């Protein structure tokens, strides 16, 4: 079994985004499946996570890594 293959998987998604798919978002959606979903233990934590996630998405959008869809959702 191979260890530490995350970098290779990421490189594969990036390569596919330039060849088989129209971009990183499409390649990632097609090639990556979440192993599990972790929910916050409390509503207070959920609000903190949401605030920081919005900031993260805003920074990715500003840098051109992702685009905004209609309705304000990142794509």
Protein backbone atom coordinates (compact mmCIF):
# COMPACT_ATOMS: atom_id res chain seq x y z
CA UNK A 1 0.00 0.00 0.00
CA UNK A 2 1.25 3.47 -0.85
CA UNK A 3 1.43 6.23 1.74
CA UNK A 4 1.10 9.96 1.19
CA UNK A 5 -0.53 9.89 -2.23
CA UNK A 6 -2.57 13.07 -1.75
CA UNK A 7 -0.11 15.17 -3.74
CA UNK A 8 -0.22 12.77 -6.66
CA UNK A 9 -4.02 12.75 -6.57
CA UNK A 10 -4.07 16.55 -6.57
CA UNK A 11 -1.64 16.67 -9.49
CA UNK A 12 -3.88 14.24 -11.38
CA UNK A 13 -6.91 16.48 -10.86
CA UNK A 14 -4.93 19.52 -12.03
CA UNK A 15 -3.69 17.69 -15.12
CA UNK A 16 -7.19 16.46 -15.96
CA UNK A 17 -8.54 19.99 -15.50
CA UNK A 18 -6.42 21.08 -18.45
CA UNK A 19 -7.09 18.10 -20.71
CA UNK A 20 -10.35 16.22 -20.06
CA UNK A 21 -12.37 18.85 -18.19
CA UNK A 22 -13.11 22.55 -18.59
CA UNK A 23 -11.41 23.49 -15.32
CA UNK A 24 -10.34 22.51 -11.82
CA UNK A 25 -13.85 22.73 -10.41
CA UNK A 26 -15.30 20.33 -12.97
CA UNK A 27 -12.36 17.92 -12.66
CA UNK A 28 -12.55 17.95 -8.86
CA UNK A 29 -16.29 17.34 -8.86
CA UNK A 30 -15.90 14.41 -11.22
CA UNK A 31 -12.80 12.84 -9.66
CA UNK A 32 -13.07 13.45 -5.90
CA UNK A 33 -15.53 11.79 -3.54
CA UNK A 34 -15.64 12.76 0.12
CA UNK A 35 -14.73 9.93 2.47
CA UNK A 36 -16.88 11.33 5.26
CA UNK A 37 -18.59 14.50 6.41
CA UNK A 38 -17.87 15.98 9.82
CA UNK A 39 -20.51 18.19 11.42
CA UNK A 40 -19.75 20.83 14.10
CA UNK A 41 -20.56 19.82 17.67
CA UNK A 42 -22.49 23.03 18.41
CA UNK A 43 -24.33 25.85 16.67
CA UNK A 44 -21.71 28.34 17.87
CA UNK A 45 -18.96 26.39 16.16
CA UNK A 46 -21.09 26.13 13.04
CA UNK A 47 -21.35 29.92 12.84
CA UNK A 48 -17.57 30.28 13.22
CA UNK A 49 -16.94 27.68 10.52
CA UNK A 50 -19.41 29.37 8.15
CA UNK A 51 -17.80 32.77 8.68
CA UNK A 52 -14.31 31.44 8.02
CA UNK A 53 -15.50 29.39 5.06
CA UNK A 54 -17.08 32.50 3.48
CA UNK A 55 -13.77 34.35 3.94
CA UNK A 56 -11.87 31.41 2.39
CA UNK A 57 -14.24 31.29 -0.62
CA UNK A 58 -13.99 35.06 -1.01
CA UNK A 59 -10.19 34.88 -1.13
CA UNK A 60 -10.28 32.03 -3.67
CA UNK A 61 -12.71 34.04 -5.80
CA UNK A 62 -10.58 37.19 -5.57
CA UNK A 63 -7.54 35.22 -6.75
CA UNK A 64 -9.50 33.73 -9.65
CA UNK A 65 -9.25 30.12 -8.45
CA UNK A 66 -13.03 29.75 -8.37
CA UNK A 67 -15.90 31.72 -9.85
CA UNK A 68 -19.19 32.88 -8.39
CA UNK A 69 -22.39 31.42 -9.79
CA UNK A 70 -25.73 33.22 -9.82
CA UNK A 71 -27.14 33.49 -6.33
CA UNK A 72 -23.73 34.00 -4.74
CA UNK A 73 -22.73 30.33 -4.53
CA UNK A 74 -19.13 29.53 -5.41
CA UNK A 75 -18.61 27.09 -8.26
